[in-house]
Amino acid sequence: MIRFLGLNIGFDFWSLLYLAVFAVTVFALVTALTFPAAAYEAAGKSTKVVWVSVLVGALLVDLLLSIFIVRIGFLIATLVYLADVRPALQGLRRR
């Protein structure tokens, strides 16, 4: 337990997991915003608007909802972006 500004802040496993998922989602959103829209089409992936919308939705779900199954669904979408779309976009940048 950490005391900060008069508040007791506990870091259990679930809190750390939540922070990790939130950080991964923010990272994915920031990287999605850095690629141009044409790169998504050139890589044969869904459009930039689709991926940014999905990642913003994931961020909002992380912040506002506590429905576990919805969070898992958006986490899977975030991981798909990081594992499939982002490497394809980076491959285009290297050429």
N, C-alpha and C. Protein backbone atom coordinates (compact mmCIF):
# COMPACT_ATOMS: atom_id res chain seq x y z
N MET A 1 0.84 -1.17 0.00
CA MET A 1 0.00 0.00 0.00
C MET A 1 0.90 1.24 0.00
N ILE A 2 0.59 2.19 -0.87
CA ILE A 2 1.35 3.43 -0.98
C ILE A 2 0.45 4.58 -0.53
N ARG A 3 0.99 5.47 0.25
CA ARG A 3 0.23 6.64 0.69
C ARG A 3 0.67 7.83 -0.16
N PHE A 4 -0.29 8.45 -0.88
CA PHE A 4 0.01 9.56 -1.76
C PHE A 4 -1.06 10.62 -1.61
N LEU A 5 -0.65 11.83 -1.24
CA LEU A 5 -1.58 12.96 -1.03
C LEU A 5 -2.72 12.59 -0.09
N GLY A 6 -2.40 11.86 0.93
CA GLY A 6 -3.40 11.50 1.92
C GLY A 6 -4.28 10.33 1.53
N LEU A 7 -4.02 9.74 0.38
CA LEU A 7 -4.83 8.61 -0.09
C LEU A 7 -4.01 7.33 -0.01
N ASN A 8 -4.64 6.26 0.37
CA ASN A 8 -3.99 4.95 0.34
C ASN A 8 -4.23 4.33 -1.04
N ILE A 9 -3.15 4.06 -1.72
CA ILE A 9 -3.25 3.50 -3.06
C ILE A 9 -2.67 2.09 -3.02
N GLY A 10 -3.50 1.12 -3.35
CA GLY A 10 -3.06 -0.27 -3.35
C GLY A 10 -2.80 -0.74 -4.76
N PHE A 11 -1.78 -1.53 -4.94
CA PHE A 11 -1.47 -2.09 -6.24
C PHE A 11 -1.53 -3.60 -6.14
N ASP A 12 -2.69 -4.15 -6.41
CA ASP A 12 -2.81 -5.59 -6.44
C ASP A 12 -2.63 -6.07 -7.88
N PHE A 13 -2.75 -7.34 -8.10
CA PHE A 13 -2.55 -7.93 -9.42
C PHE A 13 -3.49 -7.33 -10.45
N TRP A 14 -4.76 -7.18 -10.12
CA TRP A 14 -5.76 -6.70 -11.08
C TRP A 14 -5.53 -5.24 -11.43
N SER A 15 -5.10 -4.45 -10.46
CA SER A 15 -4.81 -3.04 -10.75
C SER A 15 -3.63 -2.92 -11.71
N LEU A 16 -2.60 -3.71 -11.47
CA LEU A 16 -1.44 -3.68 -12.36
C LEU A 16 -1.79 -4.21 -13.74
N LEU A 17 -2.63 -5.23 -13.81
CA LEU A 17 -3.07 -5.75 -15.10
C LEU A 17 -3.88 -4.69 -15.85
N TYR A 18 -4.77 -4.00 -15.16
CA TYR A 18 -5.56 -2.93 -15.77
C TYR A 18 -4.65 -1.84 -16.31
N LEU A 19 -3.66 -1.42 -15.53
CA LEU A 19 -2.74 -0.37 -15.98
C LEU A 19 -1.93 -0.83 -17.19
N ALA A 20 -1.54 -2.10 -17.22
CA ALA A 20 -0.79 -2.63 -18.36
C ALA A 20 -1.65 -2.62 -19.62
N VAL A 21 -2.89 -3.07 -19.50
CA VAL A 21 -3.81 -3.08 -20.66
C VAL A 21 -4.06 -1.66 -21.14
N PHE A 22 -4.26 -0.74 -20.21
CA PHE A 22 -4.48 0.66 -20.56
C PHE A 22 -3.27 1.22 -21.30
N ALA A 23 -2.07 0.93 -20.80
CA ALA A 23 -0.85 1.44 -21.42
C ALA A 23 -0.67 0.87 -22.83
N VAL A 24 -0.96 -0.41 -23.00
CA VAL A 24 -0.85 -1.04 -24.33
C VAL A 24 -1.84 -0.40 -25.29
N THR A 25 -3.05 -0.13 -24.82
CA THR A 25 -4.07 0.49 -25.66
C THR A 25 -3.66 1.90 -26.07
N VAL A 26 -3.14 2.68 -25.15
CA VAL A 26 -2.67 4.03 -25.47
C VAL A 26 -1.54 3.96 -26.48
N PHE A 27 -0.59 3.04 -26.28
CA PHE A 27 0.51 2.87 -27.22
C PHE A 27 -0.01 2.52 -28.62
N ALA A 28 -0.95 1.59 -28.70
CA ALA A 28 -1.51 1.20 -30.00
C ALA A 28 -2.20 2.37 -30.67
N LEU A 29 -2.96 3.15 -29.91
CA LEU A 29 -3.67 4.30 -30.48
C LEU A 29 -2.68 5.34 -30.99
N VAL A 30 -1.66 5.63 -30.24
CA VAL A 30 -0.67 6.63 -30.66
C VAL A 30 0.03 6.16 -31.93
N THR A 31 0.40 4.89 -31.99
CA THR A 31 1.07 4.41 -33.20
C THR A 31 0.11 4.38 -34.39
N ALA A 32 -1.15 4.08 -34.15
CA ALA A 32 -2.13 4.08 -35.25
C ALA A 32 -2.30 5.48 -35.83
N LEU A 33 -2.21 6.48 -34.98
CA LEU A 33 -2.37 7.85 -35.45
C LEU A 33 -1.14 8.35 -36.22
N THR A 34 0.01 7.73 -36.04
CA THR A 34 1.23 8.22 -36.68
C THR A 34 1.36 7.78 -38.14
N PHE A 35 0.68 6.72 -38.53
CA PHE A 35 0.77 6.25 -39.91
C PHE A 35 -0.24 6.99 -40.78
N PRO A 36 0.13 7.32 -42.02
CA PRO A 36 -0.82 7.98 -42.92
C PRO A 36 -1.93 7.01 -43.36
N ALA A 37 -3.07 7.58 -43.71
CA ALA A 37 -4.22 6.76 -44.11
C ALA A 37 -3.91 5.89 -45.32
N ALA A 38 -3.11 6.39 -46.24
CA ALA A 38 -2.78 5.62 -47.44
C ALA A 38 -1.98 4.36 -47.11
N ALA A 39 -1.23 4.38 -46.03
CA ALA A 39 -0.42 3.21 -45.66
C ALA A 39 -1.31 2.03 -45.29
N TYR A 40 -2.44 2.28 -44.67
CA TYR A 40 -3.35 1.20 -44.29
C TYR A 40 -3.88 0.49 -45.54
N GLU A 41 -4.25 1.29 -46.54
CA GLU A 41 -4.75 0.70 -47.78
C GLU A 41 -3.64 -0.02 -48.53
N ALA A 42 -2.45 0.55 -48.55
CA ALA A 42 -1.32 -0.07 -49.24
C ALA A 42 -0.93 -1.40 -48.59
N ALA A 43 -1.14 -1.50 -47.29
CA ALA A 43 -0.83 -2.75 -46.57
C ALA A 43 -1.96 -3.77 -46.69
N GLY A 44 -3.08 -3.38 -47.28
CA GLY A 44 -4.20 -4.29 -47.44
C GLY A 44 -4.98 -4.52 -46.15
N LYS A 45 -4.95 -3.54 -45.28
CA LYS A 45 -5.65 -3.63 -43.99
C LYS A 45 -6.87 -2.73 -44.01
N SER A 46 -7.68 -2.80 -42.97
CA SER A 46 -8.82 -1.89 -42.86
C SER A 46 -8.30 -0.46 -42.79
N THR A 47 -9.18 0.49 -43.02
CA THR A 47 -8.76 1.89 -43.09
C THR A 47 -8.29 2.42 -41.75
N LYS A 48 -7.61 3.53 -41.81
CA LYS A 48 -7.12 4.19 -40.60
C LYS A 48 -8.28 4.56 -39.70
N VAL A 49 -9.37 5.03 -40.28
CA VAL A 49 -10.54 5.43 -39.49
C VAL A 49 -11.09 4.25 -38.70
N VAL A 50 -11.13 3.09 -39.31
CA VAL A 50 -11.63 1.89 -38.62
C VAL A 50 -10.73 1.55 -37.44
N TRP A 51 -9.42 1.49 -37.66
CA TRP A 51 -8.52 1.11 -36.58
C TRP A 51 -8.46 2.14 -35.47
N VAL A 52 -8.45 3.40 -35.82
CA VAL A 52 -8.45 4.44 -34.78
C VAL A 52 -9.75 4.39 -34.00
N SER A 53 -10.87 4.17 -34.68
CA SER A 53 -12.16 4.06 -33.98
C SER A 53 -12.17 2.88 -33.02
N VAL A 54 -11.66 1.74 -33.46
CA VAL A 54 -11.61 0.57 -32.59
C VAL A 54 -10.74 0.83 -31.38
N LEU A 55 -9.61 1.46 -31.59
CA LEU A 55 -8.69 1.71 -30.47
C LEU A 55 -9.21 2.79 -29.53
N VAL A 56 -9.89 3.80 -30.06
CA VAL A 56 -10.53 4.79 -29.18
C VAL A 56 -11.65 4.12 -28.39
N GLY A 57 -12.40 3.25 -29.05
CA GLY A 57 -13.43 2.49 -28.35
C GLY A 57 -12.84 1.65 -27.23
N ALA A 58 -11.70 1.02 -27.50
CA ALA A 58 -11.03 0.22 -26.47
C ALA A 58 -10.60 1.09 -25.30
N LEU A 59 -10.10 2.28 -25.60
CA LEU A 59 -9.67 3.19 -24.54
C LEU A 59 -10.86 3.65 -23.71
N LEU A 60 -11.97 3.96 -24.36
CA LEU A 60 -13.17 4.39 -23.63
C LEU A 60 -13.74 3.26 -22.78
N VAL A 61 -13.73 2.06 -23.32
CA VAL A 61 -14.21 0.91 -22.55
C VAL A 61 -13.34 0.70 -21.32
N ASP A 62 -12.02 0.82 -21.50
CA ASP A 62 -11.11 0.68 -20.36
C ASP A 62 -11.40 1.73 -19.28
N LEU A 63 -11.74 2.93 -19.71
CA LEU A 63 -11.97 4.01 -18.75
C LEU A 63 -13.35 3.98 -18.11
N LEU A 64 -14.36 3.58 -18.87
CA LEU A 64 -15.74 3.79 -18.43
C LEU A 64 -16.50 2.53 -18.04
N LEU A 65 -16.17 1.40 -18.61
CA LEU A 65 -16.96 0.20 -18.37
C LEU A 65 -16.19 -0.82 -17.54
N SER A 66 -16.93 -1.54 -16.76
CA SER A 66 -16.29 -2.62 -16.00
C SER A 66 -16.81 -3.98 -16.45
N ILE A 67 -17.36 -4.04 -17.64
CA ILE A 67 -17.86 -5.30 -18.18
C ILE A 67 -16.68 -6.08 -18.75
N PHE A 68 -16.33 -7.15 -18.08
CA PHE A 68 -15.11 -7.88 -18.36
C PHE A 68 -15.05 -8.40 -19.80
N ILE A 69 -16.13 -8.98 -20.28
CA ILE A 69 -16.11 -9.60 -21.61
C ILE A 69 -15.93 -8.55 -22.70
N VAL A 70 -16.47 -7.36 -22.50
CA VAL A 70 -16.29 -6.28 -23.48
C VAL A 70 -14.83 -5.83 -23.48
N ARG A 71 -14.26 -5.72 -22.30
CA ARG A 71 -12.84 -5.35 -22.20
C ARG A 71 -11.96 -6.37 -22.90
N ILE A 72 -12.26 -7.64 -22.71
CA ILE A 72 -11.47 -8.70 -23.36
C ILE A 72 -11.58 -8.59 -24.88
N GLY A 73 -12.77 -8.33 -25.38
CA GLY A 73 -12.96 -8.17 -26.83
C GLY A 73 -12.12 -7.05 -27.40
N PHE A 74 -12.13 -5.91 -26.73
CA PHE A 74 -11.34 -4.78 -27.21
C PHE A 74 -9.84 -5.03 -27.01
N LEU A 75 -9.47 -5.75 -25.97
CA LEU A 75 -8.06 -6.11 -25.78
C LEU A 75 -7.58 -6.99 -26.93
N ILE A 76 -8.41 -7.92 -27.35
CA ILE A 76 -8.07 -8.79 -28.49
C ILE A 76 -7.90 -7.95 -29.75
N ALA A 77 -8.80 -6.99 -29.97
CA ALA A 77 -8.69 -6.11 -31.14
C ALA A 77 -7.40 -5.29 -31.08
N THR A 78 -7.04 -4.80 -29.90
CA THR A 78 -5.80 -4.05 -29.74
C THR A 78 -4.60 -4.93 -30.04
N LEU A 79 -4.61 -6.15 -29.55
CA LEU A 79 -3.50 -7.06 -29.80
C LEU A 79 -3.40 -7.45 -31.27
N VAL A 80 -4.54 -7.56 -31.96
CA VAL A 80 -4.53 -7.83 -33.40
C VAL A 80 -3.86 -6.68 -34.13
N TYR A 81 -4.21 -5.45 -33.73
CA TYR A 81 -3.56 -4.29 -34.36
C TYR A 81 -2.04 -4.35 -34.16
N LEU A 82 -1.62 -4.61 -32.93
CA LEU A 82 -0.18 -4.62 -32.63
C LEU A 82 0.55 -5.78 -33.29
N ALA A 83 -0.10 -6.92 -33.42
CA ALA A 83 0.56 -8.10 -33.96
C ALA A 83 0.49 -8.21 -35.48
N ASP A 84 -0.54 -7.63 -36.10
CA ASP A 84 -0.74 -7.81 -37.54
C ASP A 84 -0.63 -6.50 -38.32
N VAL A 85 -1.39 -5.51 -37.92
CA VAL A 85 -1.47 -4.28 -38.71
C VAL A 85 -0.21 -3.43 -38.55
N ARG A 86 0.22 -3.20 -37.33
CA ARG A 86 1.39 -2.34 -37.11
C ARG A 86 2.64 -2.87 -37.81
N PRO A 87 2.96 -4.17 -37.72
CA PRO A 87 4.14 -4.65 -38.47
C PRO A 87 4.00 -4.48 -39.99
N ALA A 88 2.79 -4.64 -40.51
CA ALA A 88 2.59 -4.44 -41.95
C ALA A 88 2.82 -2.99 -42.33
N LEU A 89 2.37 -2.07 -41.49
CA LEU A 89 2.57 -0.65 -41.77
C LEU A 89 4.04 -0.27 -41.64
N GLN A 90 4.72 -0.83 -40.66
CA GLN A 90 6.14 -0.55 -40.51
C GLN A 90 6.94 -1.11 -41.68
N GLY A 91 6.50 -2.23 -42.22
CA GLY A 91 7.17 -2.80 -43.38
C GLY A 91 7.09 -1.90 -44.59
N LEU A 92 5.99 -1.19 -44.72
CA LEU A 92 5.85 -0.23 -45.82
C LEU A 92 6.77 0.97 -45.62
N ARG A 93 6.99 1.34 -44.40
CA ARG A 93 7.82 2.51 -44.09
C ARG A 93 9.28 2.24 -44.44
N ARG A 94 9.72 1.00 -44.34
CA ARG A 94 11.12 0.64 -44.58
C ARG A 94 11.48 0.61 -46.07
N ARG A 95 10.48 0.45 -46.92
CA ARG A 95 10.75 0.30 -48.36
C ARG A 95 11.14 1.60 -49.00
